[in-house]
Amino acid sequence: MNRSDLVELIMETKIERGIQWSDVATAVGASKEWVTAGCLGQMAFTPEQAAKVVEVFGLPAPALRLLQAVPYKGSLPTAVPTDPLIYRFYELVSVYGTTFKELIHEEFGDGIMSAIDFRMDLQRESDPAGDRVNIVMSGKFLSYKQY
């Protein structure tokens, strides 16, 4: 079993059993955003967390160690995503990326927002004109150092 096989098995089981990511997150004891990323092969679980994922999805024994292995991060099959939903994030960065950069540099100085020391919260926002997707991202600011 490799990581790709494991992700496929998790997704098949999720669909078959009607499992919700929020329920997996509750069992694991972490945010639904982080747990979903982990189940999709982008994060490494602790031994205790991995055991919970194995239990929730009824995974075979080899999955336990694979869920704890540090993954090769980055899951898009192409440089420019072709999935319509994921493409909209690419489009968002293409249009607003320079704005994010300018405003972060103006507020914090020369540096980056960490994707390692990072939190995300995704919620449905009711709106009479059509529900909205509300995503809050919070990453630690890391300034470039002189040497």
N, C-alpha and C. Protein backbone atom coordinates (compact mmCIF):
# COMPACT_ATOMS: atom_id res chain seq x y z
N MET A 1 0.85 -1.18 0.00
CA MET A 1 0.00 0.00 0.00
C MET A 1 0.89 1.24 0.00
N ASN A 2 0.58 2.19 -0.88
CA ASN A 2 1.28 3.48 -0.87
C ASN A 2 0.28 4.57 -0.48
N ARG A 3 0.77 5.80 -0.36
CA ARG A 3 -0.08 6.90 0.12
C ARG A 3 -1.28 7.12 -0.81
N SER A 4 -1.05 7.04 -2.10
CA SER A 4 -2.14 7.23 -3.06
C SER A 4 -3.23 6.17 -2.88
N ASP A 5 -2.82 4.91 -2.69
CA ASP A 5 -3.78 3.83 -2.44
C ASP A 5 -4.57 4.10 -1.15
N LEU A 6 -3.85 4.57 -0.12
CA LEU A 6 -4.48 4.84 1.16
C LEU A 6 -5.53 5.96 1.04
N VAL A 7 -5.17 7.04 0.35
CA VAL A 7 -6.12 8.15 0.17
C VAL A 7 -7.35 7.65 -0.59
N GLU A 8 -7.13 6.86 -1.61
CA GLU A 8 -8.25 6.31 -2.39
C GLU A 8 -9.16 5.45 -1.51
N LEU A 9 -8.55 4.63 -0.65
CA LEU A 9 -9.32 3.77 0.25
C LEU A 9 -10.11 4.61 1.26
N ILE A 10 -9.48 5.65 1.80
CA ILE A 10 -10.17 6.55 2.73
C ILE A 10 -11.37 7.19 2.04
N MET A 11 -11.17 7.69 0.83
CA MET A 11 -12.27 8.35 0.11
C MET A 11 -13.40 7.36 -0.22
N GLU A 12 -13.05 6.16 -0.64
CA GLU A 12 -14.08 5.15 -0.95
C GLU A 12 -14.90 4.83 0.30
N THR A 13 -14.20 4.65 1.43
CA THR A 13 -14.87 4.32 2.68
C THR A 13 -15.73 5.49 3.16
N LYS A 14 -15.22 6.70 3.02
CA LYS A 14 -15.97 7.90 3.42
C LYS A 14 -17.30 7.96 2.67
N ILE A 15 -17.25 7.71 1.38
CA ILE A 15 -18.45 7.74 0.54
C ILE A 15 -19.40 6.60 0.91
N GLU A 16 -18.86 5.38 0.99
CA GLU A 16 -19.67 4.21 1.31
C GLU A 16 -20.40 4.35 2.64
N ARG A 17 -19.69 4.85 3.65
CA ARG A 17 -20.25 4.91 5.01
C ARG A 17 -20.90 6.26 5.33
N GLY A 18 -20.80 7.22 4.42
CA GLY A 18 -21.38 8.54 4.68
C GLY A 18 -20.69 9.28 5.81
N ILE A 19 -19.39 9.10 5.93
CA ILE A 19 -18.59 9.72 6.99
C ILE A 19 -18.37 11.20 6.67
N GLN A 20 -18.51 12.04 7.66
CA GLN A 20 -18.27 13.48 7.52
C GLN A 20 -16.89 13.82 8.07
N TRP A 21 -16.18 14.74 7.42
CA TRP A 21 -14.84 15.14 7.89
C TRP A 21 -14.90 15.69 9.31
N SER A 22 -15.97 16.40 9.65
CA SER A 22 -16.08 16.95 11.01
C SER A 22 -16.14 15.83 12.05
N ASP A 23 -16.75 14.70 11.70
CA ASP A 23 -16.79 13.56 12.63
C ASP A 23 -15.42 12.92 12.79
N VAL A 24 -14.68 12.83 11.69
CA VAL A 24 -13.31 12.29 11.76
C VAL A 24 -12.46 13.22 12.64
N ALA A 25 -12.62 14.52 12.44
CA ALA A 25 -11.86 15.51 13.21
C ALA A 25 -12.16 15.39 14.69
N THR A 26 -13.40 15.20 15.04
CA THR A 26 -13.78 15.03 16.45
C THR A 26 -13.10 13.80 17.03
N ALA A 27 -13.11 12.70 16.30
CA ALA A 27 -12.48 11.46 16.76
C ALA A 27 -10.97 11.64 16.93
N VAL A 28 -10.36 12.36 16.00
CA VAL A 28 -8.90 12.57 16.03
C VAL A 28 -8.51 13.62 17.06
N GLY A 29 -9.38 14.61 17.28
CA GLY A 29 -9.08 15.68 18.24
C GLY A 29 -8.32 16.83 17.63
N ALA A 30 -8.60 17.14 16.37
CA ALA A 30 -7.95 18.27 15.69
C ALA A 30 -8.99 18.91 14.76
N SER A 31 -8.62 20.02 14.13
CA SER A 31 -9.57 20.74 13.27
C SER A 31 -9.95 19.90 12.04
N LYS A 32 -11.15 20.15 11.53
CA LYS A 32 -11.60 19.42 10.34
C LYS A 32 -10.71 19.74 9.14
N GLU A 33 -10.19 20.96 9.09
CA GLU A 33 -9.34 21.37 7.97
C GLU A 33 -8.03 20.58 7.97
N TRP A 34 -7.39 20.49 9.15
CA TRP A 34 -6.10 19.79 9.25
C TRP A 34 -6.27 18.28 9.08
N VAL A 35 -7.31 17.72 9.70
CA VAL A 35 -7.56 16.28 9.59
C VAL A 35 -7.88 15.89 8.15
N THR A 36 -8.66 16.71 7.47
CA THR A 36 -8.97 16.44 6.06
C THR A 36 -7.69 16.44 5.24
N ALA A 37 -6.83 17.44 5.45
CA ALA A 37 -5.55 17.48 4.74
C ALA A 37 -4.73 16.23 5.03
N GLY A 38 -4.74 15.79 6.27
CA GLY A 38 -4.01 14.57 6.64
C GLY A 38 -4.57 13.34 5.95
N CYS A 39 -5.89 13.22 5.93
CA CYS A 39 -6.51 12.06 5.28
C CYS A 39 -6.32 12.09 3.77
N LEU A 40 -6.09 13.27 3.23
CA LEU A 40 -5.82 13.40 1.79
C LEU A 40 -4.32 13.30 1.49
N GLY A 41 -3.54 12.92 2.50
CA GLY A 41 -2.13 12.62 2.29
C GLY A 41 -1.18 13.79 2.42
N GLN A 42 -1.61 14.90 3.03
CA GLN A 42 -0.77 16.10 3.09
C GLN A 42 -0.18 16.38 4.46
N MET A 43 -0.54 15.64 5.49
CA MET A 43 -0.03 15.84 6.84
C MET A 43 0.33 14.50 7.46
N ALA A 44 1.20 14.53 8.47
CA ALA A 44 1.56 13.32 9.21
C ALA A 44 0.83 13.33 10.55
N PHE A 45 0.13 12.25 10.86
CA PHE A 45 -0.59 12.11 12.12
C PHE A 45 0.35 11.57 13.21
N THR A 46 0.05 11.88 14.46
CA THR A 46 0.74 11.25 15.58
C THR A 46 0.27 9.80 15.64
N PRO A 47 0.98 8.94 16.39
CA PRO A 47 0.51 7.55 16.50
C PRO A 47 -0.93 7.44 17.02
N GLU A 48 -1.29 8.26 18.00
CA GLU A 48 -2.64 8.22 18.54
C GLU A 48 -3.68 8.69 17.51
N GLN A 49 -3.34 9.74 16.80
CA GLN A 49 -4.25 10.25 15.76
C GLN A 49 -4.41 9.23 14.64
N ALA A 50 -3.30 8.64 14.22
CA ALA A 50 -3.34 7.65 13.14
C ALA A 50 -4.22 6.46 13.55
N ALA A 51 -4.12 6.05 14.80
CA ALA A 51 -4.94 4.93 15.29
C ALA A 51 -6.43 5.28 15.20
N LYS A 52 -6.78 6.52 15.48
CA LYS A 52 -8.17 6.95 15.39
C LYS A 52 -8.65 6.94 13.94
N VAL A 53 -7.80 7.40 13.01
CA VAL A 53 -8.16 7.40 11.59
C VAL A 53 -8.37 5.96 11.11
N VAL A 54 -7.46 5.07 11.51
CA VAL A 54 -7.59 3.66 11.15
C VAL A 54 -8.91 3.10 11.68
N GLU A 55 -9.25 3.45 12.91
CA GLU A 55 -10.49 2.97 13.53
C GLU A 55 -11.72 3.51 12.80
N VAL A 56 -11.75 4.81 12.55
CA VAL A 56 -12.91 5.44 11.91
C VAL A 56 -13.18 4.84 10.53
N PHE A 57 -12.11 4.63 9.76
CA PHE A 57 -12.28 4.16 8.39
C PHE A 57 -12.13 2.64 8.25
N GLY A 58 -11.78 1.95 9.35
CA GLY A 58 -11.60 0.50 9.27
C GLY A 58 -10.47 0.12 8.33
N LEU A 59 -9.36 0.83 8.44
CA LEU A 59 -8.24 0.64 7.51
C LEU A 59 -7.38 -0.56 7.89
N PRO A 60 -6.68 -1.15 6.93
CA PRO A 60 -5.78 -2.27 7.23
C PRO A 60 -4.56 -1.81 8.02
N ALA A 61 -3.90 -2.75 8.68
CA ALA A 61 -2.76 -2.46 9.57
C ALA A 61 -1.66 -1.60 8.93
N PRO A 62 -1.27 -1.83 7.66
CA PRO A 62 -0.19 -1.02 7.09
C PRO A 62 -0.51 0.49 7.04
N ALA A 63 -1.77 0.84 7.11
CA ALA A 63 -2.17 2.26 7.06
C ALA A 63 -1.67 3.02 8.28
N LEU A 64 -1.55 2.34 9.42
CA LEU A 64 -1.15 3.00 10.66
C LEU A 64 0.20 3.70 10.51
N ARG A 65 1.17 3.02 9.98
CA ARG A 65 2.51 3.63 9.80
C ARG A 65 2.51 4.67 8.68
N LEU A 66 1.79 4.39 7.62
CA LEU A 66 1.76 5.32 6.49
C LEU A 66 1.12 6.65 6.88
N LEU A 67 0.11 6.62 7.72
CA LEU A 67 -0.53 7.85 8.19
C LEU A 67 0.41 8.70 9.04
N GLN A 68 1.45 8.08 9.61
CA GLN A 68 2.41 8.79 10.45
C GLN A 68 3.65 9.26 9.68
N ALA A 69 3.81 8.79 8.46
CA ALA A 69 4.99 9.13 7.65
C ALA A 69 4.87 10.56 7.14
N VAL A 70 5.98 11.27 7.12
CA VAL A 70 5.99 12.63 6.59
C VAL A 70 5.75 12.54 5.08
N PRO A 71 4.71 13.21 4.58
CA PRO A 71 4.38 13.10 3.16
C PRO A 71 5.18 14.06 2.29
N TYR A 72 5.20 13.76 1.02
CA TYR A 72 5.66 14.70 0.02
C TYR A 72 4.48 15.62 -0.21
N LYS A 73 4.60 16.87 0.20
CA LYS A 73 3.46 17.78 0.16
C LYS A 73 3.27 18.38 -1.24
N GLY A 74 2.03 18.69 -1.52
CA GLY A 74 1.67 19.22 -2.83
C GLY A 74 0.97 18.13 -3.60
N SER A 75 -0.33 18.30 -3.80
CA SER A 75 -1.11 17.20 -4.34
C SER A 75 -1.73 17.47 -5.70
N LEU A 76 -1.43 18.60 -6.29
CA LEU A 76 -2.06 18.91 -7.57
C LEU A 76 -1.35 18.18 -8.71
N PRO A 77 -2.11 17.57 -9.61
CA PRO A 77 -1.50 16.80 -10.69
C PRO A 77 -0.91 17.66 -11.80
N THR A 78 -1.31 18.94 -11.87
CA THR A 78 -0.80 19.83 -12.92
C THR A 78 -0.39 21.17 -12.29
N ALA A 79 0.47 21.92 -12.98
CA ALA A 79 0.90 23.22 -12.47
C ALA A 79 -0.28 24.19 -12.35
N VAL A 80 -1.12 24.21 -13.37
CA VAL A 80 -2.35 25.02 -13.32
C VAL A 80 -3.49 24.02 -13.10
N PRO A 81 -4.18 24.14 -11.96
CA PRO A 81 -5.22 23.16 -11.66
C PRO A 81 -6.36 23.20 -12.67
N THR A 82 -6.91 22.04 -12.96
CA THR A 82 -8.01 21.95 -13.92
C THR A 82 -9.35 21.73 -13.23
N ASP A 83 -9.35 21.29 -11.98
CA ASP A 83 -10.60 21.16 -11.24
C ASP A 83 -11.19 22.55 -11.04
N PRO A 84 -12.46 22.77 -11.40
CA PRO A 84 -13.02 24.13 -11.34
C PRO A 84 -12.93 24.80 -9.97
N LEU A 85 -13.19 24.05 -8.89
CA LEU A 85 -13.13 24.67 -7.57
C LEU A 85 -11.69 25.04 -7.21
N ILE A 86 -10.77 24.14 -7.42
CA ILE A 86 -9.36 24.42 -7.10
C ILE A 86 -8.84 25.52 -8.02
N TYR A 87 -9.27 25.55 -9.26
CA TYR A 87 -8.84 26.59 -10.19
C TYR A 87 -9.22 27.98 -9.66
N ARG A 88 -10.37 28.09 -9.00
CA ARG A 88 -10.79 29.41 -8.47
C ARG A 88 -9.81 29.92 -7.42
N PHE A 89 -9.18 29.04 -6.67
CA PHE A 89 -8.15 29.48 -5.73
C PHE A 89 -6.90 29.94 -6.48
N TYR A 90 -6.57 29.24 -7.54
CA TYR A 90 -5.46 29.65 -8.40
C TYR A 90 -5.76 31.03 -8.99
N GLU A 91 -7.00 31.20 -9.46
CA GLU A 91 -7.43 32.48 -10.01
C GLU A 91 -7.38 33.57 -8.94
N LEU A 92 -7.83 33.23 -7.74
CA LEU A 92 -7.81 34.20 -6.64
C LEU A 92 -6.38 34.70 -6.38
N VAL A 93 -5.43 33.78 -6.33
CA VAL A 93 -4.03 34.17 -6.10
C VAL A 93 -3.49 34.93 -7.32
N SER A 94 -3.90 34.53 -8.52
CA SER A 94 -3.45 35.25 -9.73
C SER A 94 -3.93 36.70 -9.71
N VAL A 95 -5.17 36.93 -9.28
CA VAL A 95 -5.74 38.27 -9.28
C VAL A 95 -5.31 39.06 -8.04
N TYR A 96 -5.38 38.43 -6.86
CA TYR A 96 -5.15 39.15 -5.61
C TYR A 96 -3.80 38.87 -4.97
N GLY A 97 -2.99 38.01 -5.56
CA GLY A 97 -1.69 37.68 -4.96
C GLY A 97 -0.82 38.90 -4.72
N THR A 98 -0.74 39.78 -5.70
CA THR A 98 0.08 40.99 -5.52
C THR A 98 -0.51 41.90 -4.45
N THR A 99 -1.84 41.89 -4.32
CA THR A 99 -2.49 42.67 -3.26
C THR A 99 -2.17 42.08 -1.89
N PHE A 100 -2.26 40.76 -1.76
CA PHE A 100 -1.88 40.12 -0.50
C PHE A 100 -0.44 40.50 -0.14
N LYS A 101 0.45 40.37 -1.12
CA LYS A 101 1.87 40.66 -0.89
C LYS A 101 2.07 42.10 -0.47
N GLU A 102 1.48 43.02 -1.17
CA GLU A 102 1.64 44.46 -0.88
C GLU A 102 1.12 44.80 0.52
N LEU A 103 -0.06 44.31 0.84
CA LEU A 103 -0.65 44.64 2.13
C LEU A 103 0.07 43.97 3.30
N ILE A 104 0.52 42.74 3.11
CA ILE A 104 1.29 42.06 4.17
C ILE A 104 2.62 42.78 4.38
N HIS A 105 3.30 43.16 3.31
CA HIS A 105 4.57 43.86 3.45
C HIS A 105 4.38 45.24 4.10
N GLU A 106 3.31 45.93 3.75
CA GLU A 106 3.04 47.23 4.34
C GLU A 106 2.78 47.10 5.85
N GLU A 107 2.04 46.07 6.23
CA GLU A 107 1.66 45.88 7.63
C GLU A 107 2.78 45.26 8.48
N PHE A 108 3.53 44.30 7.90
CA PHE A 108 4.49 43.51 8.67
C PHE A 108 5.95 43.74 8.29
N GLY A 109 6.20 44.18 7.07
CA GLY A 109 7.57 44.30 6.58
C GLY A 109 7.89 43.18 5.61
N ASP A 110 9.17 43.04 5.30
CA ASP A 110 9.63 42.06 4.30
C ASP A 110 9.63 40.66 4.91
N GLY A 111 8.73 39.81 4.43
CA GLY A 111 8.64 38.45 4.95
C GLY A 111 7.52 37.69 4.27
N ILE A 112 7.14 36.60 4.90
CA ILE A 112 6.11 35.73 4.34
C ILE A 112 5.11 35.31 5.42
N MET A 113 3.97 34.83 4.98
CA MET A 113 3.01 34.19 5.87
C MET A 113 3.30 32.70 5.82
N SER A 114 3.54 32.11 6.97
CA SER A 114 3.87 30.69 7.04
C SER A 114 2.70 29.81 6.64
N ALA A 115 3.00 28.76 5.90
CA ALA A 115 2.02 27.71 5.63
C ALA A 115 2.31 26.51 6.53
N ILE A 116 3.33 26.66 7.39
CA ILE A 116 3.68 25.61 8.34
C ILE A 116 3.04 25.92 9.69
N ASP A 117 3.27 27.14 10.21
CA ASP A 117 2.61 27.59 11.43
C ASP A 117 1.35 28.29 10.98
N PHE A 118 0.30 27.51 10.74
CA PHE A 118 -0.86 27.95 9.97
C PHE A 118 -2.14 27.35 10.55
N ARG A 119 -3.20 28.12 10.50
CA ARG A 119 -4.54 27.64 10.86
C ARG A 119 -5.52 28.08 9.78
N MET A 120 -6.55 27.28 9.61
CA MET A 120 -7.59 27.62 8.65
C MET A 120 -8.93 27.21 9.24
N ASP A 121 -9.96 28.00 8.94
CA ASP A 121 -11.31 27.68 9.36
C ASP A 121 -12.22 27.92 8.16
N LEU A 122 -12.97 26.91 7.78
CA LEU A 122 -13.89 27.01 6.65
C LEU A 122 -15.30 26.79 7.17
N GLN A 123 -16.18 27.75 6.89
CA GLN A 123 -17.56 27.68 7.37
C GLN A 123 -18.52 28.11 6.26
N ARG A 124 -19.73 27.61 6.36
CA ARG A 124 -20.82 28.08 5.49
C ARG A 124 -21.36 29.37 6.10
N GLU A 125 -21.57 30.37 5.26
CA GLU A 125 -22.12 31.65 5.71
C GLU A 125 -23.46 31.85 5.00
N SER A 126 -24.53 31.84 5.77
CA SER A 126 -25.86 32.03 5.18
C SER A 126 -26.00 33.43 4.62
N ASP A 127 -26.60 33.51 3.45
CA ASP A 127 -26.82 34.80 2.80
C ASP A 127 -28.08 34.67 1.96
N PRO A 128 -29.00 35.64 2.06
CA PRO A 128 -30.25 35.56 1.28
C PRO A 128 -30.01 35.51 -0.23
N ALA A 129 -28.89 36.04 -0.69
CA ALA A 129 -28.59 36.04 -2.12
C ALA A 129 -27.89 34.75 -2.55
N GLY A 130 -27.69 33.82 -1.63
CA GLY A 130 -26.98 32.57 -1.92
C GLY A 130 -25.88 32.38 -0.89
N ASP A 131 -25.81 31.19 -0.31
CA ASP A 131 -24.82 30.93 0.72
C ASP A 131 -23.40 31.20 0.22
N ARG A 132 -22.56 31.61 1.16
CA ARG A 132 -21.18 31.99 0.85
C ARG A 132 -20.22 31.04 1.54
N VAL A 133 -19.03 30.93 1.01
CA VAL A 133 -17.95 30.17 1.62
C VAL A 133 -17.08 31.16 2.37
N ASN A 134 -16.91 30.95 3.68
CA ASN A 134 -16.09 31.83 4.49
C ASN A 134 -14.85 31.06 4.92
N ILE A 135 -13.70 31.48 4.44
CA ILE A 135 -12.43 30.84 4.78
C ILE A 135 -11.55 31.86 5.48
N VAL A 136 -11.14 31.52 6.69
CA VAL A 136 -10.22 32.37 7.44
C VAL A 136 -8.89 31.62 7.51
N MET A 137 -7.83 32.25 7.05
CA MET A 137 -6.50 31.67 7.10
C MET A 137 -5.64 32.52 8.02
N SER A 138 -4.88 31.86 8.88
CA SER A 138 -4.01 32.56 9.81
C SER A 138 -2.65 31.88 9.81
N GLY A 139 -1.65 32.60 9.32
CA GLY A 139 -0.30 32.06 9.28
C GLY A 139 0.66 32.99 10.01
N LYS A 140 1.60 32.42 10.71
CA LYS A 140 2.59 33.21 11.42
C LYS A 140 3.41 34.01 10.41
N PHE A 141 3.71 35.26 10.76
CA PHE A 141 4.56 36.08 9.89
C PHE A 141 6.01 35.75 10.18
N LEU A 142 6.76 35.49 9.13
CA LEU A 142 8.19 35.18 9.23
C LEU A 142 8.95 36.22 8.42
N SER A 143 9.73 37.03 9.12
CA SER A 143 10.47 38.08 8.40
C SER A 143 11.79 37.53 7.90
N TYR A 144 12.20 38.08 6.76
CA TYR A 144 13.50 37.73 6.20
C TYR A 144 14.58 38.35 7.09
N LYS A 145 15.63 37.61 7.35
CA LYS A 145 16.73 38.05 8.21
C LYS A 145 17.92 38.49 7.37
N GLN A 146 18.59 39.51 7.85
CA GLN A 146 19.86 39.91 7.21
C GLN A 146 20.98 39.09 7.81
N TYR A 147 21.98 38.77 7.01
CA TYR A 147 23.14 38.04 7.50
C TYR A 147 24.37 38.47 6.78
